[in-house]
PDB file of N, CA and C in Angstrom:
ATOM      1  N   MET A   1       0.639  -1.281  -0.059  1.00  0.00           N
ATOM      2  CA  MET A   1      -0.136   0.240  -0.222  1.00  0.00           C
ATOM      3  C   MET A   1       0.699   1.157  -0.045  1.00  0.00           C
ATOM      4  N   LYS A   2       0.251   2.044  -0.751  1.00  0.00           N
ATOM      5  CA  LYS A   2       0.923   3.425  -0.554  1.00  0.00           C
ATOM      6  C   LYS A   2       0.195   4.499  -0.857  1.00  0.00           C
ATOM      7  N   ILE A   3       0.844   5.385   0.427  1.00  0.00           N
ATOM      8  CA  ILE A   3      -0.102   6.271   0.307  1.00  0.00           C
ATOM      9  C   ILE A   3       0.385   7.716  -0.388  1.00  0.00           C
ATOM     10  N   TYR A   4      -0.495   8.863  -0.408  1.00  0.00           N
ATOM     11  CA  TYR A   4      -0.076  10.150  -1.635  1.00  0.00           C
ATOM     12  C   TYR A   4      -1.107  11.143  -0.411  1.00  0.00           C
ATOM     13  N   TYR A   5      -0.673  12.602  -0.145  1.00  0.00           N
ATOM     14  CA  TYR A   5      -1.361  13.072  -0.076  1.00  0.00           C
ATOM     15  C   TYR A   5      -1.388  14.707  -0.607  1.00  0.00           C
ATOM     16  N   ASP A   6      -1.679  15.544  -1.039  1.00  0.00           N
ATOM     17  CA  ASP A   6      -1.573  16.414  -2.232  1.00  0.00           C
ATOM     18  C   ASP A   6      -2.708  17.696  -0.801  1.00  0.00           C
ATOM     19  N   ASP A   7      -1.448  18.355  -0.340  1.00  0.00           N
ATOM     20  CA  ASP A   7      -1.851  19.582   0.558  1.00  0.00           C
ATOM     21  C   ASP A   7      -2.332  20.877  -0.239  1.00  0.00           C
ATOM     22  N   SER A   8      -2.316  21.141  -1.699  1.00  0.00           N
ATOM     23  CA  SER A   8      -2.837  21.830  -2.127  1.00  0.00           C
ATOM     24  C   SER A   8      -4.205  21.985  -2.517  1.00  0.00           C
ATOM     25  N   VAL A   9      -4.747  20.963  -2.574  1.00  0.00           N
ATOM     26  CA  VAL A   9      -6.065  20.370  -2.649  1.00  0.00           C
ATOM     27  C   VAL A   9      -6.831  19.268  -1.659  1.00  0.00           C
ATOM     28  N   ASP A  10      -5.876  19.187  -0.416  1.00  0.00           N
ATOM     29  CA  ASP A  10      -6.251  18.798   0.692  1.00  0.00           C
ATOM     30  C   ASP A  10      -6.606  17.170   0.798  1.00  0.00           C
ATOM     31  N   ALA A  11      -6.138  16.597  -0.406  1.00  0.00           N
ATOM     32  CA  ALA A  11      -6.671  15.094  -0.392  1.00  0.00           C
ATOM     33  C   ALA A  11      -5.372  13.556   0.001  1.00  0.00           C
ATOM     34  N   LEU A  12      -6.115  12.917   0.167  1.00  0.00           N
ATOM     35  CA  LEU A  12      -5.634  11.744   0.818  1.00  0.00           C
ATOM     36  C   LEU A  12      -5.409  10.419  -0.490  1.00  0.00           C
ATOM     37  N   TYR A  13      -4.871  10.030  -0.719  1.00  0.00           N
ATOM     38  CA  TYR A  13      -5.111   8.816  -1.392  1.00  0.00           C
ATOM     39  C   TYR A  13      -4.027   7.665  -1.315  1.00  0.00           C
ATOM     40  N   LEU A  14      -5.073   6.172  -0.995  1.00  0.00           N
ATOM     41  CA  LEU A  14      -4.322   5.168  -0.441  1.00  0.00           C
ATOM     42  C   LEU A  14      -4.764   4.021  -1.489  1.00  0.00           C
ATOM     43  N   GLU A  15      -3.296   4.042  -2.179  1.00  0.00           N
ATOM     44  CA  GLU A  15      -2.833   3.399  -3.371  1.00  0.00           C
ATOM     45  C   GLU A  15      -2.918   1.430  -2.659  1.00  0.00           C
ATOM     46  N   LEU A  16      -4.444   0.729  -2.960  1.00  0.00           N
ATOM     47  CA  LEU A  16      -4.112  -0.756  -2.786  1.00  0.00           C
ATOM     48  C   LEU A  16      -3.521  -1.545  -3.746  1.00  0.00           C
ATOM     49  N   SER A  17      -3.712  -1.083  -4.833  1.00  0.00           N
ATOM     50  CA  SER A  17      -3.012  -2.048  -6.070  1.00  0.00           C
ATOM     51  C   SER A  17      -1.979  -1.471  -7.356  1.00  0.00           C
ATOM     52  N   GLU A  18      -1.654  -2.056  -7.753  1.00  0.00           N
ATOM     53  CA  GLU A  18      -0.939  -1.391  -9.110  1.00  0.00           C
ATOM     54  C   GLU A  18      -1.807  -1.301 -10.351  1.00  0.00           C
ATOM     55  N   HIS A  19      -2.888  -2.157 -10.160  1.00  0.00           N
ATOM     56  CA  HIS A  19      -3.657  -2.288 -11.063  1.00  0.00           C
ATOM     57  C   HIS A  19      -4.510  -0.730 -11.215  1.00  0.00           C
ATOM     58  N   THR A  20      -4.932  -0.370 -12.932  1.00  0.00           N
ATOM     59  CA  THR A  20      -5.654   0.454 -13.314  1.00  0.00           C
ATOM     60  C   THR A  20      -6.894   0.449 -12.653  1.00  0.00           C
ATOM     61  N   PRO A  21      -7.046   1.555 -12.482  1.00  0.00           N
ATOM     62  CA  PRO A  21      -8.517   1.656 -12.054  1.00  0.00           C
ATOM     63  C   PRO A  21      -9.659   1.929 -13.328  1.00  0.00           C
ATOM     64  N   GLU A  22     -10.931   1.523 -13.239  1.00  0.00           N
ATOM     65  CA  GLU A  22     -11.546   1.450 -14.073  1.00  0.00           C
ATOM     66  C   GLU A  22     -13.046   2.035 -13.865  1.00  0.00           C
ATOM     67  N   GLY A  23     -12.990   2.262 -12.553  1.00  0.00           N
ATOM     68  CA  GLY A  23     -14.440   2.751 -12.179  1.00  0.00           C
ATOM     69  C   GLY A  23     -14.135   3.101 -10.668  1.00  0.00           C
ATOM     70  N   VAL A  24     -15.370   4.225 -10.566  1.00  0.00           N
ATOM     71  CA  VAL A  24     -15.272   4.556  -8.571  1.00  0.00           C
ATOM     72  C   VAL A  24     -16.477   4.458  -8.119  1.00  0.00           C
ATOM     73  N   VAL A  25     -16.081   4.415  -7.195  1.00  0.00           N
ATOM     74  CA  VAL A  25     -17.556   3.849  -6.145  1.00  0.00           C
ATOM     75  C   VAL A  25     -17.351   5.141  -4.421  1.00  0.00           C
ATOM     76  N   GLU A  26     -18.651   6.159  -5.091  1.00  0.00           N
ATOM     77  CA  GLU A  26     -19.059   6.745  -4.157  1.00  0.00           C
ATOM     78  C   GLU A  26     -19.411   6.188  -2.039  1.00  0.00           C
ATOM     79  N   ILE A  27     -18.851   5.944  -2.145  1.00  0.00           N
ATOM     80  CA  ILE A  27     -18.944   5.788  -0.191  1.00  0.00           C
ATOM     81  C   ILE A  27     -19.708   6.473   0.818  1.00  0.00           C
ATOM     82  N   ALA A  28     -18.970   7.824   0.810  1.00  0.00           N
ATOM     83  CA  ALA A  28     -19.514   8.991   1.212  1.00  0.00           C
ATOM     84  C   ALA A  28     -19.489  10.474   0.977  1.00  0.00           C
ATOM     85  N   GLU A  29     -19.860  11.643   1.112  1.00  0.00           N
ATOM     86  CA  GLU A  29     -19.316  12.571   0.696  1.00  0.00           C
ATOM     87  C   GLU A  29     -17.457  13.052   0.376  1.00  0.00           C
ATOM     88  N   GLY A  30     -17.265  12.686  -0.880  1.00  0.00           N
ATOM     89  CA  GLY A  30     -15.747  13.159  -0.675  1.00  0.00           C
ATOM     90  C   GLY A  30     -14.585  11.734  -0.612  1.00  0.00           C
ATOM     91  N   VAL A  31     -15.519  10.494  -0.452  1.00  0.00           N
ATOM     92  CA  VAL A  31     -14.612   9.385  -0.091  1.00  0.00           C
ATOM     93  C   VAL A  31     -15.279   7.754  -1.505  1.00  0.00           C
ATOM     94  N   ASN A  32     -14.066   8.078  -1.710  1.00  0.00           N
ATOM     95  CA  ASN A  32     -14.354   6.996  -3.499  1.00  0.00           C
ATOM     96  C   ASN A  32     -13.746   5.881  -3.398  1.00  0.00           C
ATOM     97  N   LEU A  33     -13.784   4.999  -3.672  1.00  0.00           N
ATOM     98  CA  LEU A  33     -13.263   3.575  -3.840  1.00  0.00           C
ATOM     99  C   LEU A  33     -13.115   3.742  -5.793  1.00  0.00           C
ATOM    100  N   ASP A  34     -12.012   3.446  -5.914  1.00  0.00           N
ATOM    101  CA  ASP A  34     -11.482   3.088  -7.373  1.00  0.00           C
ATOM    102  C   ASP A  34     -11.573   1.611  -7.232  1.00  0.00           C
ATOM    103  N   THR A  35     -11.999   1.395  -8.456  1.00  0.00           N
ATOM    104  CA  THR A  35     -12.266  -0.483  -8.595  1.00  0.00           C
ATOM    105  C   THR A  35     -11.398  -0.685 -10.298  1.00  0.00           C
ATOM    106  N   ALA A  36     -11.186  -2.044  -9.872  1.00  0.00           N
ATOM    107  CA  ALA A  36     -10.774  -2.425 -11.387  1.00  0.00           C
ATOM    108  C   ALA A  36     -12.025  -2.925 -11.724  1.00  0.00           C
ATOM    109  N   LYS A  37     -11.343  -3.772 -12.819  1.00  0.00           N
ATOM    110  CA  LYS A  37     -12.345  -4.104 -14.003  1.00  0.00           C
ATOM    111  C   LYS A  37     -13.325  -5.548 -13.535  1.00  0.00           C
ATOM    112  N   ASP A  38     -12.397  -6.399 -12.229  1.00  0.00           N
ATOM    113  CA  ASP A  38     -13.239  -6.980 -11.665  1.00  0.00           C
ATOM    114  C   ASP A  38     -13.578  -7.057 -10.367  1.00  0.00           C
ATOM    115  N   ASN A  39     -13.805  -5.364 -10.631  1.00  0.00           N
ATOM    116  CA  ASN A  39     -14.469  -4.555  -9.099  1.00  0.00           C
ATOM    117  C   ASN A  39     -13.851  -4.977  -7.913  1.00  0.00           C
ATOM    118  N   LYS A  40     -12.419  -5.566  -7.976  1.00  0.00           N
ATOM    119  CA  LYS A  40     -11.727  -5.279  -6.567  1.00  0.00           C
ATOM    120  C   LYS A  40     -11.248  -3.860  -6.675  1.00  0.00           C
ATOM    121  N   ILE A  41     -11.359  -3.406  -5.044  1.00  0.00           N
ATOM    122  CA  ILE A  41     -10.653  -1.953  -4.764  1.00  0.00           C
ATOM    123  C   ILE A  41      -9.260  -1.973  -4.801  1.00  0.00           C
ATOM    124  N   VAL A  42      -9.001  -0.889  -5.790  1.00  0.00           N
ATOM    125  CA  VAL A  42      -7.497  -0.371  -6.088  1.00  0.00           C
ATOM    126  C   VAL A  42      -7.343   0.466  -5.270  1.00  0.00           C
ATOM    127  N   GLY A  43      -8.094   1.554  -4.725  1.00  0.00           N
ATOM    128  CA  GLY A  43      -7.426   2.916  -3.931  1.00  0.00           C
ATOM    129  C   GLY A  43      -8.720   3.596  -3.694  1.00  0.00           C
ATOM    130  N   ILE A  44      -8.516   4.112  -2.515  1.00  0.00           N
ATOM    131  CA  ILE A  44      -9.289   5.036  -1.839  1.00  0.00           C
ATOM    132  C   ILE A  44      -9.068   6.448  -1.568  1.00  0.00           C
ATOM    133  N   GLU A  45      -9.953   7.641  -2.040  1.00  0.00           N
ATOM    134  CA  GLU A  45      -9.857   8.765  -2.188  1.00  0.00           C
ATOM    135  C   GLU A  45     -10.409   9.271  -1.077  1.00  0.00           C
ATOM    136  N   ILE A  46      -9.882  10.324  -0.535  1.00  0.00           N
ATOM    137  CA  ILE A  46     -10.065  10.905   0.422  1.00  0.00           C
ATOM    138  C   ILE A  46     -10.389  12.567   0.391  1.00  0.00           C
ATOM    139  N   LEU A  47     -11.289  13.169  -0.256  1.00  0.00           N
ATOM    140  CA  LEU A  47     -11.219  14.714  -0.241  1.00  0.00           C
ATOM    141  C   LEU A  47     -11.139  15.315   1.234  1.00  0.00           C
ATOM    142  N   ASP A  48     -11.301  16.579   0.949  1.00  0.00           N
ATOM    143  CA  ASP A  48     -11.091  17.337   2.235  1.00  0.00           C
ATOM    144  C   ASP A  48     -10.377  16.119   3.553  1.00  0.00           C
ATOM    145  N   ALA A  49      -9.527  15.810   3.276  1.00  0.00           N
ATOM    146  CA  ALA A  49      -8.999  15.019   4.006  1.00  0.00           C
ATOM    147  C   ALA A  49      -8.585  15.112   5.350  1.00  0.00           C
ATOM    148  N   SER A  50      -8.570  16.761   5.230  1.00  0.00           N
ATOM    149  CA  SER A  50      -7.814  17.254   6.694  1.00  0.00           C
ATOM    150  C   SER A  50      -9.133  17.640   7.476  1.00  0.00           C
ATOM    151  N   LYS A  51     -10.347  17.537   6.980  1.00  0.00           N
ATOM    152  CA  LYS A  51     -11.304  17.537   7.808  1.00  0.00           C
ATOM    153  C   LYS A  51     -12.268  16.391   8.190  1.00  0.00           C
ATOM    154  N   LYS A  52     -11.287  14.923   7.628  1.00  0.00           N
ATOM    155  CA  LYS A  52     -12.434  13.724   7.834  1.00  0.00           C
ATOM    156  C   LYS A  52     -11.274  12.627   8.813  1.00  0.00           C
ATOM    157  N   ILE A  53     -10.149  13.174   8.835  1.00  0.00           N
ATOM    158  CA  ILE A  53      -9.002  12.546   9.261  1.00  0.00           C
ATOM    159  C   ILE A  53      -8.118  13.195   9.983  1.00  0.00           C
ATOM    160  N   ASP A  54      -7.329  12.380  11.166  1.00  0.00           N
ATOM    161  CA  ASP A  54      -5.958  13.070  11.647  1.00  0.00           C
ATOM    162  C   ASP A  54      -4.983  12.656  10.802  1.00  0.00           C
ATOM    163  N   LEU A  55      -4.381  14.098   9.801  1.00  0.00           N
ATOM    164  CA  LEU A  55      -3.433  13.728   8.700  1.00  0.00           C
ATOM    165  C   LEU A  55      -2.332  13.201   9.866  1.00  0.00           C
ATOM    166  N   SER A  56      -2.357  13.810  10.887  1.00  0.00           N
ATOM    167  CA  SER A  56      -0.762  14.187  11.588  1.00  0.00           C
ATOM    168  C   SER A  56      -0.317  12.649  12.496  1.00  0.00           C
ATOM    169  N   THR A  57      -0.969  11.718  11.855  1.00  0.00           N
ATOM    170  CA  THR A  57      -1.228   9.872  12.254  1.00  0.00           C
ATOM    171  C   THR A  57      -1.113   9.257  11.130  1.00  0.00           C
ATOM    172  N   ILE A  58      -1.713   9.734  10.308  1.00  0.00           N
ATOM    173  CA  ILE A  58      -1.906   8.879   9.508  1.00  0.00           C
ATOM    174  C   ILE A  58      -0.668   8.022   8.696  1.00  0.00           C
ATOM    175  N   PHE A  59       0.639   8.592   8.798  1.00  0.00           N
ATOM    176  CA  PHE A  59       1.596   7.330   8.240  1.00  0.00           C
ATOM    177  C   PHE A  59       2.292   6.879   9.658  1.00  0.00           C
ATOM    178  N   ALA A  60       1.574   6.858  10.783  1.00  0.00           N
ATOM    179  CA  ALA A  60       1.844   6.037  12.120  1.00  0.00           C
ATOM    180  C   ALA A  60       1.307   5.065  12.108  1.00  0.00           C
ATOM    181  N   TYR A  61       0.016   4.742  11.476  1.00  0.00           N
ATOM    182  CA  TYR A  61      -0.771   3.537  11.251  1.00  0.00           C
ATOM    183  C   TYR A  61      -0.242   2.089  11.555  1.00  0.00           C
ATOM    184  N   SER A  62      -0.137   1.106  12.264  1.00  0.00           N
ATOM    185  CA  SER A  62       0.164  -0.020  12.046  1.00  0.00           C
ATOM    186  C   SER A  62      -1.071  -0.966  12.017  1.00  0.00           C
ATOM    187  N   LEU A  63      -0.695  -2.528  11.438  1.00  0.00           N
ATOM    188  CA  LEU A  63      -1.459  -3.052  11.457  1.00  0.00           C
ATOM    189  C   LEU A  63      -0.708  -4.840  11.285  1.00  0.00           C
ATOM    190  N   GLU A  64      -1.616  -5.586  12.451  1.00  0.00           N
ATOM    191  CA  GLU A  64      -1.575  -6.512  13.172  1.00  0.00           C
ATOM    192  C   GLU A  64      -2.907  -7.681  12.616  1.00  0.00           C
ATOM    193  N   LEU A  65      -2.638  -8.661  11.666  1.00  0.00           N
ATOM    194  CA  LEU A  65      -3.079  -9.537  11.262  1.00  0.00           C
ATOM    195  C   LEU A  65      -2.880 -10.825  11.417  1.00  0.00           C
ATOM    196  N   ASP A  66      -3.558 -11.742  11.990  1.00  0.00           N
ATOM    197  CA  ASP A  66      -3.129 -13.151  12.371  1.00  0.00           C
ATOM    198  C   ASP A  66      -2.584 -13.705  10.935  1.00  0.00           C
ATOM    199  N   SER A  67      -1.682 -14.924  10.952  1.00  0.00           N
ATOM    200  CA  SER A  67      -1.067 -14.790  10.208  1.00  0.00           C
ATOM    201  C   SER A  67      -2.336 -16.162   8.989  1.00  0.00           C
ATOM    202  N   ASN A  68      -3.486 -16.770  10.002  1.00  0.00           N
ATOM    203  CA  ASN A  68      -4.495 -17.582   9.784  1.00  0.00           C
ATOM    204  C   ASN A  68      -5.365 -16.569   8.819  1.00  0.00           C
ATOM    205  N   PHE A  69      -5.350 -15.310   8.697  1.00  0.00           N
ATOM    206  CA  PHE A  69      -6.344 -14.315   8.533  1.00  0.00           C
ATOM    207  C   PHE A  69      -5.682 -14.580   6.476  1.00  0.00           C
ATOM    208  N   ILE A  70      -4.290 -13.816   6.670  1.00  0.00           N
ATOM    209  CA  ILE A  70      -3.683 -13.627   5.400  1.00  0.00           C
ATOM    210  C   ILE A  70      -3.796 -14.455   4.647  1.00  0.00           C
ATOM    211  N   ASN A  71      -3.547 -15.693   5.493  1.00  0.00           N
ATOM    212  CA  ASN A  71      -3.277 -17.168   4.059  1.00  0.00           C
ATOM    213  C   ASN A  71      -5.063 -17.658   3.848  1.00  0.00           C
ATOM    214  N   LYS A  72      -5.824 -17.245   3.934  1.00  0.00           N
ATOM    215  CA  LYS A  72      -7.344 -17.640   4.137  1.00  0.00           C
ATOM    216  C   LYS A  72      -7.489 -16.719   2.683  1.00  0.00           C
ATOM    217  N   LYS A  73      -8.308 -17.460   1.746  1.00  0.00           N
ATOM    218  CA  LYS A  73      -8.624 -17.107   0.458  1.00  0.00           C
ATOM    219  C   LYS A  73     -10.069 -16.359   0.601  1.00  0.00           C
ATOM    220  N   VAL A  74     -10.365 -15.520   0.072  1.00  0.00           N
ATOM    221  CA  VAL A  74     -11.590 -15.042  -0.166  1.00  0.00           C
ATOM    222  C   VAL A  74     -12.560 -15.489  -1.004  1.00  0.00           C
ATOM    223  N   ALA A  75     -13.560 -15.897  -0.775  1.00  0.00           N
ATOM    224  CA  ALA A  75     -14.624 -16.591  -1.656  1.00  0.00           C
ATOM    225  C   ALA A  75     -15.040 -15.729  -2.508  1.00  0.00           C
TER     226      ALA A  75
END
């Protein structure tokens, strides 16, 4: 995952995959999911990001997953 922030427009982008986005699904005002042809989520865009999340901690998050969860295949 890669994280991009453009302070000139206050937009945050979480790149979840290197696949080219083919569509967009707005899940809330200013929060969009970029999707690939197979409808998998490849990115998340957050507009007016500083009003929606604490940007000072965006790069400090950690994620702990159980190895059983990582090895599961999603149906």
